[in-house]
Amino acid sequence: MNIPKISVGDILTLKKQHPCGSLEFEVLRVGSDIRMICRGCGRDLTLPREKVEKAIKKITAPTAGEETP
């Protein structure tokens, strides 16, 4: 079983899109739950870590020039 390494500031591309149409979410907090914000509409979500790990398609580390809110 491959456990993904998720850190604060990472951009997660998920398999299923958000109702606004975006597939990308920025990680705000990591623990037993993962708090993230939709990059399309700005909606704040808190989901169980297990559910998020199953839904991840790709993890992108933030670039040096990118700012987090």
PDB file of N, CA and C in Angstrom:
ATOM      1  N   MET A   1       0.841  -1.184   0.000  1.00  0.00           N
ATOM      2  CA  MET A   1       0.000   0.000   0.000  1.00  0.00           C
ATOM      3  C   MET A   1       0.887   1.249   0.000  1.00  0.00           C
ATOM      4  N   ASN A   2       0.629   2.144  -0.915  1.00  0.00           N
ATOM      5  CA  ASN A   2       1.409   3.357  -1.053  1.00  0.00           C
ATOM      6  C   ASN A   2       0.687   4.515  -0.361  1.00  0.00           C
ATOM      7  N   ILE A   3       1.281   5.048   0.712  1.00  0.00           N
ATOM      8  CA  ILE A   3       0.678   6.160   1.448  1.00  0.00           C
ATOM      9  C   ILE A   3       1.276   7.464   0.930  1.00  0.00           C
ATOM     10  N   PRO A   4       0.445   8.356   0.376  1.00  0.00           N
ATOM     11  CA  PRO A   4       0.984   9.602  -0.161  1.00  0.00           C
ATOM     12  C   PRO A   4       1.450  10.550   0.944  1.00  0.00           C
ATOM     13  N   LYS A   5       2.516  11.283   0.687  1.00  0.00           N
ATOM     14  CA  LYS A   5       3.048  12.279   1.621  1.00  0.00           C
ATOM     15  C   LYS A   5       2.373  13.610   1.300  1.00  0.00           C
ATOM     16  N   ILE A   6       1.520  14.074   2.203  1.00  0.00           N
ATOM     17  CA  ILE A   6       0.779  15.315   2.013  1.00  0.00           C
ATOM     18  C   ILE A   6       1.288  16.341   3.012  1.00  0.00           C
ATOM     19  N   SER A   7       1.625  17.531   2.519  1.00  0.00           N
ATOM     20  CA  SER A   7       2.118  18.607   3.372  1.00  0.00           C
ATOM     21  C   SER A   7       1.274  19.856   3.184  1.00  0.00           C
ATOM     22  N   VAL A   8       1.330  20.751   4.161  1.00  0.00           N
ATOM     23  CA  VAL A   8       0.625  22.029   4.059  1.00  0.00           C
ATOM     24  C   VAL A   8       1.196  22.800   2.879  1.00  0.00           C
ATOM     25  N   GLY A   9       0.321  23.352   2.057  1.00  0.00           N
ATOM     26  CA  GLY A   9       0.732  24.121   0.892  1.00  0.00           C
ATOM     27  C   GLY A   9       0.706  23.326  -0.403  1.00  0.00           C
ATOM     28  N   ASP A  10       0.638  21.987  -0.317  1.00  0.00           N
ATOM     29  CA  ASP A  10       0.582  21.160  -1.522  1.00  0.00           C
ATOM     30  C   ASP A  10      -0.717  21.409  -2.279  1.00  0.00           C
ATOM     31  N   ILE A  11      -0.660  21.239  -3.591  1.00  0.00           N
ATOM     32  CA  ILE A  11      -1.839  21.328  -4.436  1.00  0.00           C
ATOM     33  C   ILE A  11      -2.231  19.905  -4.814  1.00  0.00           C
ATOM     34  N   LEU A  12      -3.436  19.502  -4.438  1.00  0.00           N
ATOM     35  CA  LEU A  12      -3.931  18.162  -4.738  1.00  0.00           C
ATOM     36  C   LEU A  12      -4.855  18.210  -5.940  1.00  0.00           C
ATOM     37  N   THR A  13      -4.617  17.353  -6.905  1.00  0.00           N
ATOM     38  CA  THR A  13      -5.539  17.174  -8.019  1.00  0.00           C
ATOM     39  C   THR A  13      -6.307  15.901  -7.706  1.00  0.00           C
ATOM     40  N   LEU A  14      -7.625  16.026  -7.579  1.00  0.00           N
ATOM     41  CA  LEU A  14      -8.454  14.887  -7.202  1.00  0.00           C
ATOM     42  C   LEU A  14      -9.121  14.261  -8.418  1.00  0.00           C
ATOM     43  N   LYS A  15      -9.590  13.033  -8.264  1.00  0.00           N
ATOM     44  CA  LYS A  15     -10.237  12.297  -9.346  1.00  0.00           C
ATOM     45  C   LYS A  15     -11.619  12.858  -9.669  1.00  0.00           C
ATOM     46  N   LYS A  16     -12.313  13.330  -8.637  1.00  0.00           N
ATOM     47  CA  LYS A  16     -13.676  13.835  -8.804  1.00  0.00           C
ATOM     48  C   LYS A  16     -13.667  15.351  -8.643  1.00  0.00           C
ATOM     49  N   GLN A  17     -14.345  16.043  -9.533  1.00  0.00           N
ATOM     50  CA  GLN A  17     -14.319  17.503  -9.468  1.00  0.00           C
ATOM     51  C   GLN A  17     -15.304  18.067  -8.447  1.00  0.00           C
ATOM     52  N   HIS A  18     -14.987  19.260  -7.983  1.00  0.00           N
ATOM     53  CA  HIS A  18     -15.833  20.009  -7.071  1.00  0.00           C
ATOM     54  C   HIS A  18     -17.031  20.521  -7.874  1.00  0.00           C
ATOM     55  N   PRO A  19     -18.172  20.790  -7.262  1.00  0.00           N
ATOM     56  CA  PRO A  19     -19.332  21.288  -8.013  1.00  0.00           C
ATOM     57  C   PRO A  19     -19.053  22.547  -8.851  1.00  0.00           C
ATOM     58  N   CYS A  20     -18.040  23.330  -8.480  1.00  0.00           N
ATOM     59  CA  CYS A  20     -17.701  24.530  -9.264  1.00  0.00           C
ATOM     60  C   CYS A  20     -16.947  24.162 -10.538  1.00  0.00           C
ATOM     61  N   GLY A  21     -16.478  22.915 -10.652  1.00  0.00           N
ATOM     62  CA  GLY A  21     -15.779  22.458 -11.843  1.00  0.00           C
ATOM     63  C   GLY A  21     -14.284  22.299 -11.671  1.00  0.00           C
ATOM     64  N   SER A  22     -13.729  22.753 -10.558  1.00  0.00           N
ATOM     65  CA  SER A  22     -12.292  22.676 -10.319  1.00  0.00           C
ATOM     66  C   SER A  22     -11.908  21.291  -9.793  1.00  0.00           C
ATOM     67  N   LEU A  23     -10.702  20.847 -10.156  1.00  0.00           N
ATOM     68  CA  LEU A  23     -10.159  19.578  -9.663  1.00  0.00           C
ATOM     69  C   LEU A  23      -9.034  19.803  -8.667  1.00  0.00           C
ATOM     70  N   GLU A  24      -8.598  21.069  -8.485  1.00  0.00           N
ATOM     71  CA  GLU A  24      -7.447  21.370  -7.642  1.00  0.00           C
ATOM     72  C   GLU A  24      -7.843  21.952  -6.294  1.00  0.00           C
ATOM     73  N   PHE A  25      -7.144  21.472  -5.249  1.00  0.00           N
ATOM     74  CA  PHE A  25      -7.376  21.920  -3.881  1.00  0.00           C
ATOM     75  C   PHE A  25      -6.037  22.189  -3.217  1.00  0.00           C
ATOM     76  N   GLU A  26      -5.952  23.248  -2.414  1.00  0.00           N
ATOM     77  CA  GLU A  26      -4.736  23.569  -1.684  1.00  0.00           C
ATOM     78  C   GLU A  26      -4.883  23.124  -0.234  1.00  0.00           C
ATOM     79  N   VAL A  27      -3.871  22.421   0.284  1.00  0.00           N
ATOM     80  CA  VAL A  27      -3.907  21.879   1.640  1.00  0.00           C
ATOM     81  C   VAL A  27      -3.593  22.984   2.650  1.00  0.00           C
ATOM     82  N   LEU A  28      -4.476  23.145   3.649  1.00  0.00           N
ATOM     83  CA  LEU A  28      -4.296  24.144   4.699  1.00  0.00           C
ATOM     84  C   LEU A  28      -3.846  23.517   6.014  1.00  0.00           C
ATOM     85  N   ARG A  29      -4.312  22.285   6.307  1.00  0.00           N
ATOM     86  CA  ARG A  29      -3.982  21.615   7.562  1.00  0.00           C
ATOM     87  C   ARG A  29      -3.955  20.114   7.319  1.00  0.00           C
ATOM     88  N   VAL A  30      -3.003  19.436   7.969  1.00  0.00           N
ATOM     89  CA  VAL A  30      -2.862  17.987   7.811  1.00  0.00           C
ATOM     90  C   VAL A  30      -2.902  17.345   9.192  1.00  0.00           C
ATOM     91  N   GLY A  31      -3.637  16.265   9.309  1.00  0.00           N
ATOM     92  CA  GLY A  31      -3.750  15.512  10.547  1.00  0.00           C
ATOM     93  C   GLY A  31      -4.586  14.285  10.247  1.00  0.00           C
ATOM     94  N   SER A  32      -5.430  13.871  11.178  1.00  0.00           N
ATOM     95  CA  SER A  32      -6.330  12.755  10.891  1.00  0.00           C
ATOM     96  C   SER A  32      -7.402  13.196   9.902  1.00  0.00           C
ATOM     97  N   ASP A  33      -7.667  14.507   9.877  1.00  0.00           N
ATOM     98  CA  ASP A  33      -8.513  15.129   8.867  1.00  0.00           C
ATOM     99  C   ASP A  33      -7.626  16.051   8.049  1.00  0.00           C
ATOM    100  N   ILE A  34      -8.006  16.285   6.807  1.00  0.00           N
ATOM    101  CA  ILE A  34      -7.252  17.208   5.959  1.00  0.00           C
ATOM    102  C   ILE A  34      -8.160  18.373   5.605  1.00  0.00           C
ATOM    103  N   ARG A  35      -7.693  19.569   5.922  1.00  0.00           N
ATOM    104  CA  ARG A  35      -8.443  20.782   5.599  1.00  0.00           C
ATOM    105  C   ARG A  35      -7.839  21.358   4.337  1.00  0.00           C
ATOM    106  N   MET A  36      -8.688  21.635   3.353  1.00  0.00           N
ATOM    107  CA  MET A  36      -8.209  22.169   2.093  1.00  0.00           C
ATOM    108  C   MET A  36      -9.195  23.173   1.537  1.00  0.00           C
ATOM    109  N   ILE A  37      -8.711  23.971   0.596  1.00  0.00           N
ATOM    110  CA  ILE A  37      -9.533  25.010  -0.002  1.00  0.00           C
ATOM    111  C   ILE A  37      -9.568  24.777  -1.509  1.00  0.00           C
ATOM    112  N   CYS A  38     -10.751  24.925  -2.097  1.00  0.00           N
ATOM    113  CA  CYS A  38     -10.916  24.746  -3.533  1.00  0.00           C
ATOM    114  C   CYS A  38     -10.233  25.908  -4.245  1.00  0.00           C
ATOM    115  N   ARG A  39      -9.441  25.613  -5.257  1.00  0.00           N
ATOM    116  CA  ARG A  39      -8.738  26.670  -5.987  1.00  0.00           C
ATOM    117  C   ARG A  39      -9.635  27.349  -7.002  1.00  0.00           C
ATOM    118  N   GLY A  40     -10.817  26.798  -7.248  1.00  0.00           N
ATOM    119  CA  GLY A  40     -11.744  27.409  -8.198  1.00  0.00           C
ATOM    120  C   GLY A  40     -12.652  28.441  -7.552  1.00  0.00           C
ATOM    121  N   CYS A  41     -13.311  28.053  -6.441  1.00  0.00           N
ATOM    122  CA  CYS A  41     -14.300  28.932  -5.823  1.00  0.00           C
ATOM    123  C   CYS A  41     -13.918  29.402  -4.422  1.00  0.00           C
ATOM    124  N   GLY A  42     -12.874  28.810  -3.834  1.00  0.00           N
ATOM    125  CA  GLY A  42     -12.432  29.238  -2.509  1.00  0.00           C
ATOM    126  C   GLY A  42     -13.156  28.565  -1.354  1.00  0.00           C
ATOM    127  N   ARG A  43     -13.961  27.575  -1.621  1.00  0.00           N
ATOM    128  CA  ARG A  43     -14.696  26.851  -0.580  1.00  0.00           C
ATOM    129  C   ARG A  43     -13.732  26.076   0.315  1.00  0.00           C
ATOM    130  N   ASP A  44     -13.972  26.117   1.614  1.00  0.00           N
ATOM    131  CA  ASP A  44     -13.130  25.458   2.611  1.00  0.00           C
ATOM    132  C   ASP A  44     -13.732  24.091   2.936  1.00  0.00           C
ATOM    133  N   LEU A  45     -12.933  23.017   2.828  1.00  0.00           N
ATOM    134  CA  LEU A  45     -13.403  21.655   3.096  1.00  0.00           C
ATOM    135  C   LEU A  45     -12.531  20.975   4.141  1.00  0.00           C
ATOM    136  N   THR A  46     -13.133  20.188   4.995  1.00  0.00           N
ATOM    137  CA  THR A  46     -12.402  19.331   5.915  1.00  0.00           C
ATOM    138  C   THR A  46     -12.926  17.911   5.701  1.00  0.00           C
ATOM    139  N   LEU A  47     -12.022  17.038   5.260  1.00  0.00           N
ATOM    140  CA  LEU A  47     -12.397  15.656   4.960  1.00  0.00           C
ATOM    141  C   LEU A  47     -11.482  14.691   5.701  1.00  0.00           C
ATOM    142  N   PRO A  48     -11.979  13.488   5.999  1.00  0.00           N
ATOM    143  CA  PRO A  48     -11.119  12.483   6.635  1.00  0.00           C
ATOM    144  C   PRO A  48      -9.937  12.139   5.730  1.00  0.00           C
ATOM    145  N   ARG A  49      -8.773  11.961   6.324  1.00  0.00           N
ATOM    146  CA  ARG A  49      -7.535  11.676   5.585  1.00  0.00           C
ATOM    147  C   ARG A  49      -7.692  10.462   4.669  1.00  0.00           C
ATOM    148  N   GLU A  50      -8.331   9.416   5.162  1.00  0.00           N
ATOM    149  CA  GLU A  50      -8.515   8.187   4.393  1.00  0.00           C
ATOM    150  C   GLU A  50      -9.268   8.446   3.084  1.00  0.00           C
ATOM    151  N   LYS A  51     -10.302   9.256   3.142  1.00  0.00           N
ATOM    152  CA  LYS A  51     -11.108   9.572   1.965  1.00  0.00           C
ATOM    153  C   LYS A  51     -10.305  10.401   0.952  1.00  0.00           C
ATOM    154  N   VAL A  52      -9.525  11.355   1.452  1.00  0.00           N
ATOM    155  CA  VAL A  52      -8.711  12.200   0.569  1.00  0.00           C
ATOM    156  C   VAL A  52      -7.623  11.375  -0.108  1.00  0.00           C
ATOM    157  N   GLU A  53      -6.960  10.492   0.646  1.00  0.00           N
ATOM    158  CA  GLU A  53      -5.885   9.667   0.079  1.00  0.00           C
ATOM    159  C   GLU A  53      -6.386   8.805  -1.073  1.00  0.00           C
ATOM    160  N   LYS A  54      -7.615   8.310  -0.990  1.00  0.00           N
ATOM    161  CA  LYS A  54      -8.187   7.493  -2.060  1.00  0.00           C
ATOM    162  C   LYS A  54      -8.537   8.326  -3.289  1.00  0.00           C
ATOM    163  N   ALA A  55      -8.835   9.617  -3.086  1.00  0.00           N
ATOM    164  CA  ALA A  55      -9.294  10.473  -4.172  1.00  0.00           C
ATOM    165  C   ALA A  55      -8.178  11.212  -4.898  1.00  0.00           C
ATOM    166  N   ILE A  56      -6.939  11.123  -4.418  1.00  0.00           N
ATOM    167  CA  ILE A  56      -5.836  11.884  -5.015  1.00  0.00           C
ATOM    168  C   ILE A  56      -5.418  11.279  -6.352  1.00  0.00           C
ATOM    169  N   LYS A  57      -5.305  12.157  -7.334  1.00  0.00           N
ATOM    170  CA  LYS A  57      -4.777  11.772  -8.643  1.00  0.00           C
ATOM    171  C   LYS A  57      -3.319  12.212  -8.758  1.00  0.00           C
ATOM    172  N   LYS A  58      -3.023  13.430  -8.245  1.00  0.00           N
ATOM    173  CA  LYS A  58      -1.669  13.988  -8.353  1.00  0.00           C
ATOM    174  C   LYS A  58      -1.427  14.972  -7.220  1.00  0.00           C
ATOM    175  N   ILE A  59      -0.182  15.012  -6.706  1.00  0.00           N
ATOM    176  CA  ILE A  59       0.215  15.980  -5.682  1.00  0.00           C
ATOM    177  C   ILE A  59       1.296  16.869  -6.281  1.00  0.00           C
ATOM    178  N   THR A  60       1.073  18.186  -6.220  1.00  0.00           N
ATOM    179  CA  THR A  60       2.034  19.149  -6.728  1.00  0.00           C
ATOM    180  C   THR A  60       2.537  19.984  -5.570  1.00  0.00           C
ATOM    181  N   ALA A  61       3.858  20.015  -5.380  1.00  0.00           N
ATOM    182  CA  ALA A  61       4.445  20.856  -4.331  1.00  0.00           C
ATOM    183  C   ALA A  61       4.382  22.316  -4.770  1.00  0.00           C
ATOM    184  N   PRO A  62       4.205  23.252  -3.832  1.00  0.00           N
ATOM    185  CA  PRO A  62       4.135  24.666  -4.218  1.00  0.00           C
ATOM    186  C   PRO A  62       5.476  25.152  -4.757  1.00  0.00           C
ATOM    187  N   THR A  63       5.416  26.067  -5.720  1.00  0.00           N
ATOM    188  CA  THR A  63       6.644  26.643  -6.265  1.00  0.00           C
ATOM    189  C   THR A  63       7.075  27.813  -5.391  1.00  0.00           C
ATOM    190  N   ALA A  64       8.308  28.251  -5.536  1.00  0.00           N
ATOM    191  CA  ALA A  64       8.855  29.320  -4.700  1.00  0.00           C
ATOM    192  C   ALA A  64       8.118  30.638  -4.879  1.00  0.00           C
ATOM    193  N   GLY A  65       7.634  30.931  -6.086  1.00  0.00           N
ATOM    194  CA  GLY A  65       6.964  32.199  -6.350  1.00  0.00           C
ATOM    195  C   GLY A  65       5.487  32.215  -5.972  1.00  0.00           C
ATOM    196  N   GLU A  66       4.932  31.088  -5.627  1.00  0.00           N
ATOM    197  CA  GLU A  66       3.510  30.988  -5.320  1.00  0.00           C
ATOM    198  C   GLU A  66       3.241  31.351  -3.872  1.00  0.00           C
ATOM    199  N   GLU A  67       2.235  32.187  -3.634  1.00  0.00           N
ATOM    200  CA  GLU A  67       1.890  32.592  -2.284  1.00  0.00           C
ATOM    201  C   GLU A  67       0.699  31.807  -1.779  1.00  0.00           C
ATOM    202  N   THR A  68       0.668  31.493  -0.476  1.00  0.00           N
ATOM    203  CA  THR A  68      -0.476  30.833   0.125  1.00  0.00           C
ATOM    204  C   THR A  68      -1.252  31.871   0.931  1.00  0.00           C
ATOM    205  N   PRO A  69      -2.600  31.797   0.908  1.00  0.00           N
ATOM    206  CA  PRO A  69      -3.405  32.797   1.645  1.00  0.00           C
ATOM    207  C   PRO A  69      -3.329  32.631   3.126  1.00  0.00           C
TER     208      PRO A  69
END
